[in-house]
Amino acid sequence: MAIAYPHFFVSEKSKNLKQQPSLMVSSTPSSPPVILSQDELKKIAAYKAVEFVESGMVVGLGTGSTAKHAVARIGELLKLGKLKNIVGIPTSTITHEQAVSLGIPLSDLNTHSILDLAIDGADEVDREMNLVKGRGGSLLREKMVEAACKKFIVIVDESKLVSHLGGSGLAMPVEIVPFCWEFTLKRLEMLFIEAGCVGKLRRTIGGEPYVTDNGNYIIDLYFKSDMGDLKAASDAILRLAGVVEHGMFLDMATTVIVAGKLGVSVTNK
């Protein structure tokens, strides 16, 4: 299957992201530079990821602006007959609706407890291929599906690469039960007081608490400095009563596909 933009080469790596992926383009010296939008870069990464999908697979279908391109591509290849007997496991109601509209057969983890692979985006990717996910609000279902797959392919544009999780200055989401959410928020802040952590309840445009597909709230944590040992941070968050799940996906990604303005990089763990 051809990548969406054939002038892009793919750089294959087997190490982690201690160095940012090398990006290459096959243009000649006289060729004008190709300027792509962020959405076009997301589409390039998504199309490359779908090349890993084979007929007969059970595939986790991610959620978000990058993953939607992968879901659309799978639907297109099924319609063309280039993929057959695919079963999709959606990670959100939004993805479920998209897949149904494209005619992708769907199931769930009750029926398929082991998936061949999952394709999803990420909000941050560090040098060790750890992730922050969930700014779209689907972190719990995403983690359940992606923890059950043999191969987890992460697709991002180069703006998502960070030196450490939380390094973008944007939210690290934590899904919590609605009961006494202010109490839970304060406890989360206290866990990372040395990192200057500030927590905010996610709200809708209308000012109401944002409610996940699972009927829960989300606390967005913002860090002024590195939160420290990620495994210890993960364990500490999950020990708090009232916390359902957090958006750190540690040691889960097996492949990271990064699309940048100069090309595409594929890094395998």
Protein backbone atom coordinates (compact mmCIF):
# COMPACT_ATOMS: atom_id res chain seq x y z
CA MET A 1 0.00 0.00 0.00
CA ALA A 2 1.37 3.39 -0.97
CA ILE A 3 1.78 6.20 1.48
CA ALA A 4 -0.47 9.20 0.94
CA TYR A 5 2.39 11.44 -0.18
CA PRO A 6 4.78 9.38 -2.35
CA HIS A 7 7.61 11.95 -2.22
CA PHE A 8 8.15 10.98 1.45
CA PHE A 9 10.69 8.31 2.35
CA VAL A 10 10.29 6.27 5.55
CA SER A 11 13.18 6.05 7.98
CA GLU A 12 13.05 2.80 9.97
CA LYS A 13 14.57 2.69 13.46
CA SER A 14 14.67 0.01 16.13
CA LYS A 15 15.84 2.11 19.07
CA ASN A 16 13.91 4.44 21.32
CA LEU A 17 13.46 8.17 20.80
CA LYS A 18 16.48 9.35 22.76
CA GLN A 19 17.19 11.37 19.65
CA GLN A 20 14.38 12.88 17.67
CA PRO A 21 13.61 10.75 14.61
CA SER A 22 15.61 11.53 11.49
CA LEU A 23 13.35 12.81 8.76
CA MET A 24 14.12 12.50 5.06
CA VAL A 25 12.57 13.78 1.87
CA SER A 26 13.22 12.52 -1.63
CA SER A 27 13.09 15.88 -3.38
CA THR A 28 15.83 16.96 -5.75
CA PRO A 29 17.91 20.08 -5.03
CA SER A 30 15.88 22.01 -7.60
CA SER A 31 12.51 20.92 -6.20
CA PRO A 32 10.52 23.57 -4.34
CA PRO A 33 9.95 22.88 -0.64
CA VAL A 34 6.73 21.08 0.19
CA ILE A 35 4.72 22.86 2.89
CA LEU A 36 2.15 20.65 4.57
CA SER A 37 -0.46 21.51 7.16
CA GLN A 38 -0.57 19.78 10.54
CA ASP A 39 -3.62 17.81 9.43
CA GLU A 40 -1.80 16.63 6.30
CA LEU A 41 1.09 15.46 8.47
CA LYS A 42 -1.36 13.55 10.67
CA LYS A 43 -2.83 11.92 7.58
CA ILE A 44 0.60 10.84 6.37
CA ALA A 45 1.37 9.15 9.70
CA ALA A 46 -2.07 7.50 9.77
CA TYR A 47 -1.77 6.10 6.24
CA LYS A 48 1.65 4.67 7.04
CA ALA A 49 0.27 2.96 10.15
CA VAL A 50 -2.53 1.31 8.18
CA GLU A 51 0.13 -0.42 6.06
CA PHE A 52 0.64 -2.67 9.10
CA VAL A 53 -2.98 -3.85 8.95
CA GLU A 54 -3.59 -7.20 7.24
CA SER A 55 -6.77 -9.01 6.26
CA GLY A 56 -8.26 -11.07 9.06
CA MET A 57 -6.92 -8.88 11.86
CA VAL A 58 -8.70 -7.61 14.95
CA VAL A 59 -7.75 -3.93 15.15
CA GLY A 60 -8.11 -1.37 17.91
CA LEU A 61 -9.47 1.87 16.42
CA GLY A 62 -8.17 4.97 18.15
CA THR A 63 -9.82 8.29 18.87
CA GLY A 64 -8.84 11.81 17.90
CA SER A 65 -7.85 14.00 14.99
CA THR A 66 -5.00 11.73 13.86
CA ALA A 67 -6.64 8.37 14.49
CA LYS A 68 -9.71 9.35 12.49
CA HIS A 69 -7.56 9.34 9.34
CA ALA A 70 -6.47 5.78 10.07
CA VAL A 71 -10.06 4.66 10.61
CA ALA A 72 -11.09 6.34 7.36
CA ARG A 73 -8.25 4.63 5.49
CA ILE A 74 -9.22 1.20 6.85
CA GLY A 75 -12.78 1.82 5.73
CA GLU A 76 -11.57 2.86 2.28
CA LEU A 77 -9.41 -0.26 1.86
CA LEU A 78 -12.27 -2.50 2.97
CA LYS A 79 -14.53 -0.88 0.38
CA LEU A 80 -11.89 -1.40 -2.31
CA GLY A 81 -11.46 -5.05 -1.29
CA LYS A 82 -7.79 -4.56 -0.43
CA LEU A 83 -8.55 -5.51 3.18
CA LYS A 84 -10.99 -8.26 4.15
CA ASN A 85 -12.40 -9.76 7.35
CA ILE A 86 -11.27 -6.88 9.55
CA VAL A 87 -12.85 -6.56 13.00
CA GLY A 88 -12.56 -3.19 14.68
CA ILE A 89 -12.62 -2.48 18.42
CA PRO A 90 -13.43 1.24 18.87
CA THR A 91 -12.03 3.26 21.76
CA SER A 92 -14.89 5.77 21.98
CA THR A 93 -18.46 6.37 20.92
CA ILE A 94 -17.19 8.89 18.35
CA THR A 95 -14.94 6.29 16.76
CA HIS A 96 -17.74 3.72 16.94
CA GLU A 97 -20.00 6.07 14.98
CA GLN A 98 -17.28 6.80 12.39
CA ALA A 99 -16.54 3.09 11.89
CA VAL A 100 -20.23 2.23 11.50
CA SER A 101 -20.61 4.97 8.88
CA LEU A 102 -17.69 3.43 6.94
CA GLY A 103 -18.99 -0.12 7.13
CA ILE A 104 -16.20 -1.44 9.36
CA PRO A 105 -17.40 -4.55 11.27
CA LEU A 106 -17.13 -3.94 15.02
CA SER A 107 -16.88 -5.98 18.19
CA ASP A 108 -15.61 -5.48 21.75
CA LEU A 109 -13.12 -6.77 24.32
CA ASN A 110 -15.66 -9.24 25.72
CA THR A 111 -15.53 -11.11 22.42
CA HIS A 112 -11.90 -10.37 21.47
CA SER A 113 -9.69 -10.20 24.54
CA ILE A 114 -6.49 -10.13 22.45
CA LEU A 115 -6.11 -7.76 19.50
CA ASP A 116 -3.59 -8.04 16.68
CA LEU A 117 -2.80 -4.34 16.77
CA ALA A 118 -4.17 -0.93 17.64
CA ILE A 119 -3.58 2.40 15.93
CA ASP A 120 -4.01 5.63 17.85
CA GLY A 121 -2.62 9.12 18.22
CA ALA A 122 -0.96 10.69 21.25
CA ASP A 123 -0.77 14.12 22.82
CA GLU A 124 2.88 13.74 23.83
CA VAL A 125 5.64 11.23 23.07
CA ASP A 126 8.87 11.25 25.07
CA ARG A 127 12.27 9.81 24.14
CA GLU A 128 11.44 6.43 25.66
CA MET A 129 8.17 6.13 23.67
CA ASN A 130 6.04 6.87 26.75
CA LEU A 131 2.87 8.79 25.97
CA VAL A 132 0.35 11.27 27.27
CA LYS A 133 -3.11 10.56 25.88
CA GLY A 134 -6.63 11.59 26.75
CA ARG A 135 -6.93 15.25 25.89
CA GLY A 136 -9.80 14.11 23.69
CA GLY A 137 -11.43 12.49 26.71
CA SER A 138 -11.19 8.78 25.83
CA LEU A 139 -8.17 7.71 27.89
CA LEU A 140 -9.84 4.88 29.84
CA ARG A 141 -11.23 3.02 26.84
CA GLU A 142 -8.07 3.72 24.87
CA LYS A 143 -5.91 2.22 27.58
CA MET A 144 -8.15 -0.84 27.96
CA VAL A 145 -8.06 -1.57 24.23
CA GLU A 146 -4.40 -0.76 23.68
CA ALA A 147 -3.26 -2.80 26.67
CA ALA A 148 -4.94 -5.83 25.06
CA CYS A 149 -3.15 -5.64 21.71
CA LYS A 150 -0.04 -7.43 20.50
CA LYS A 151 1.21 -4.32 18.69
CA PHE A 152 0.37 -0.71 19.52
CA ILE A 153 1.18 1.76 16.74
CA VAL A 154 1.26 5.42 17.74
CA ILE A 155 0.81 8.05 15.03
CA VAL A 156 1.76 11.69 15.58
CA ASP A 157 3.08 14.78 13.88
CA GLU A 158 6.44 16.07 15.09
CA SER A 159 4.87 18.74 17.32
CA LYS A 160 3.96 15.97 19.79
CA LEU A 161 7.59 15.06 20.61
CA VAL A 162 8.68 16.19 24.09
CA SER A 163 11.77 15.81 26.27
CA HIS A 164 9.61 14.56 29.18
CA LEU A 165 5.93 13.89 29.77
CA GLY A 166 4.18 17.11 30.68
CA GLY A 167 6.89 19.00 28.81
CA SER A 168 4.46 20.62 26.39
CA GLY A 169 2.90 22.55 29.25
CA LEU A 170 -0.48 21.16 28.23
CA ALA A 171 -2.82 18.87 30.13
CA MET A 172 -2.07 15.42 31.52
CA PRO A 173 -5.62 14.07 32.02
CA VAL A 174 -6.86 12.00 34.94
CA GLU A 175 -10.32 10.40 34.78
CA ILE A 176 -12.09 10.48 38.15
CA VAL A 177 -15.51 9.67 39.58
CA PRO A 178 -17.75 12.75 39.95
CA PHE A 179 -18.27 12.22 43.71
CA CYS A 180 -16.36 14.92 45.64
CA TRP A 181 -14.27 15.81 42.61
CA GLU A 182 -12.80 18.90 44.29
CA PHE A 183 -11.35 16.71 47.03
CA THR A 184 -9.77 14.43 44.43
CA LEU A 185 -8.39 17.41 42.52
CA LYS A 186 -6.66 18.76 45.64
CA ARG A 187 -5.13 15.37 46.41
CA LEU A 188 -3.79 15.12 42.86
CA GLU A 189 -2.21 18.56 43.16
CA MET A 190 -0.59 17.60 46.46
CA LEU A 191 1.04 14.54 44.90
CA PHE A 192 3.06 16.78 42.60
CA ILE A 193 3.37 19.95 44.64
CA GLU A 194 7.13 20.06 44.03
CA ALA A 195 6.51 20.04 40.27
CA GLY A 196 4.21 23.05 40.59
CA CYS A 197 1.18 21.01 39.60
CA VAL A 198 -2.13 22.79 39.01
CA GLY A 199 -5.30 20.79 38.42
CA LYS A 200 -8.42 21.98 36.61
CA LEU A 201 -11.76 20.29 36.11
CA ARG A 202 -12.39 19.90 32.41
CA ARG A 203 -15.54 21.72 31.34
CA THR A 204 -17.63 22.00 28.21
CA ILE A 205 -17.95 25.21 26.19
CA GLY A 206 -21.12 25.88 28.16
CA GLY A 207 -19.26 25.63 31.46
CA GLU A 208 -20.66 22.29 32.59
CA PRO A 209 -18.31 19.50 33.74
CA TYR A 210 -17.12 17.44 30.78
CA VAL A 211 -18.47 13.88 31.11
CA THR A 212 -16.61 10.96 29.55
CA ASP A 213 -18.19 8.02 27.70
CA ASN A 214 -18.02 6.22 31.04
CA GLY A 215 -19.94 8.89 32.99
CA ASN A 216 -16.84 10.24 34.75
CA TYR A 217 -15.12 13.63 35.05
CA ILE A 218 -11.61 14.57 33.92
CA ILE A 219 -9.06 16.55 35.91
CA ASP A 220 -6.39 18.11 33.71
CA LEU A 221 -3.02 18.39 35.44
CA TYR A 222 -0.49 21.03 34.36
CA PHE A 223 3.15 20.82 35.44
CA LYS A 224 5.72 23.60 35.75
CA SER A 225 8.57 21.08 35.96
CA ASP A 226 9.29 17.39 35.42
CA MET A 227 7.04 15.15 37.53
CA GLY A 228 9.94 12.77 38.20
CA ASP A 229 9.83 8.98 38.09
CA LEU A 230 6.91 8.13 35.81
CA LYS A 231 6.24 4.67 37.22
CA ALA A 232 6.13 6.07 40.76
CA ALA A 233 3.88 8.92 39.60
CA SER A 234 1.55 6.46 37.88
CA ASP A 235 1.29 4.25 40.94
CA ALA A 236 0.68 7.22 43.25
CA ILE A 237 -2.16 8.56 41.09
CA LEU A 238 -3.87 5.18 40.81
CA ARG A 239 -3.71 4.66 44.60
CA LEU A 240 -5.96 7.66 45.19
CA ALA A 241 -9.56 6.68 45.90
CA GLY A 242 -11.74 8.37 43.32
CA VAL A 243 -9.25 8.04 40.48
CA VAL A 244 -10.32 5.76 37.64
CA GLU A 245 -7.34 6.05 35.26
CA HIS A 246 -4.70 8.52 34.10
CA GLY A 247 -3.41 9.55 30.69
CA MET A 248 0.17 8.33 31.00
CA PHE A 249 0.65 5.33 28.71
CA LEU A 250 3.96 3.93 29.95
CA ASP A 251 5.89 1.21 28.11
CA MET A 252 2.89 0.44 25.89
CA ALA A 253 3.79 1.72 22.42
CA THR A 254 5.62 -0.76 20.20
CA THR A 255 5.92 1.49 17.15
CA VAL A 256 5.87 5.28 16.85
CA ILE A 257 5.29 6.88 13.45
CA VAL A 258 6.19 10.56 13.29
CA ALA A 259 5.35 12.76 10.30
CA GLY A 260 7.32 15.97 9.98
CA LYS A 261 7.77 18.62 7.37
CA LEU A 262 10.79 16.77 5.97
CA GLY A 263 9.42 13.24 5.97
CA VAL A 264 8.30 10.27 8.04
CA SER A 265 10.10 8.28 10.73
CA VAL A 266 9.11 4.84 12.02
CA THR A 267 10.63 3.87 15.37
CA ASN A 268 10.19 0.35 16.74
CA LYS A 269 10.74 -0.61 20.37
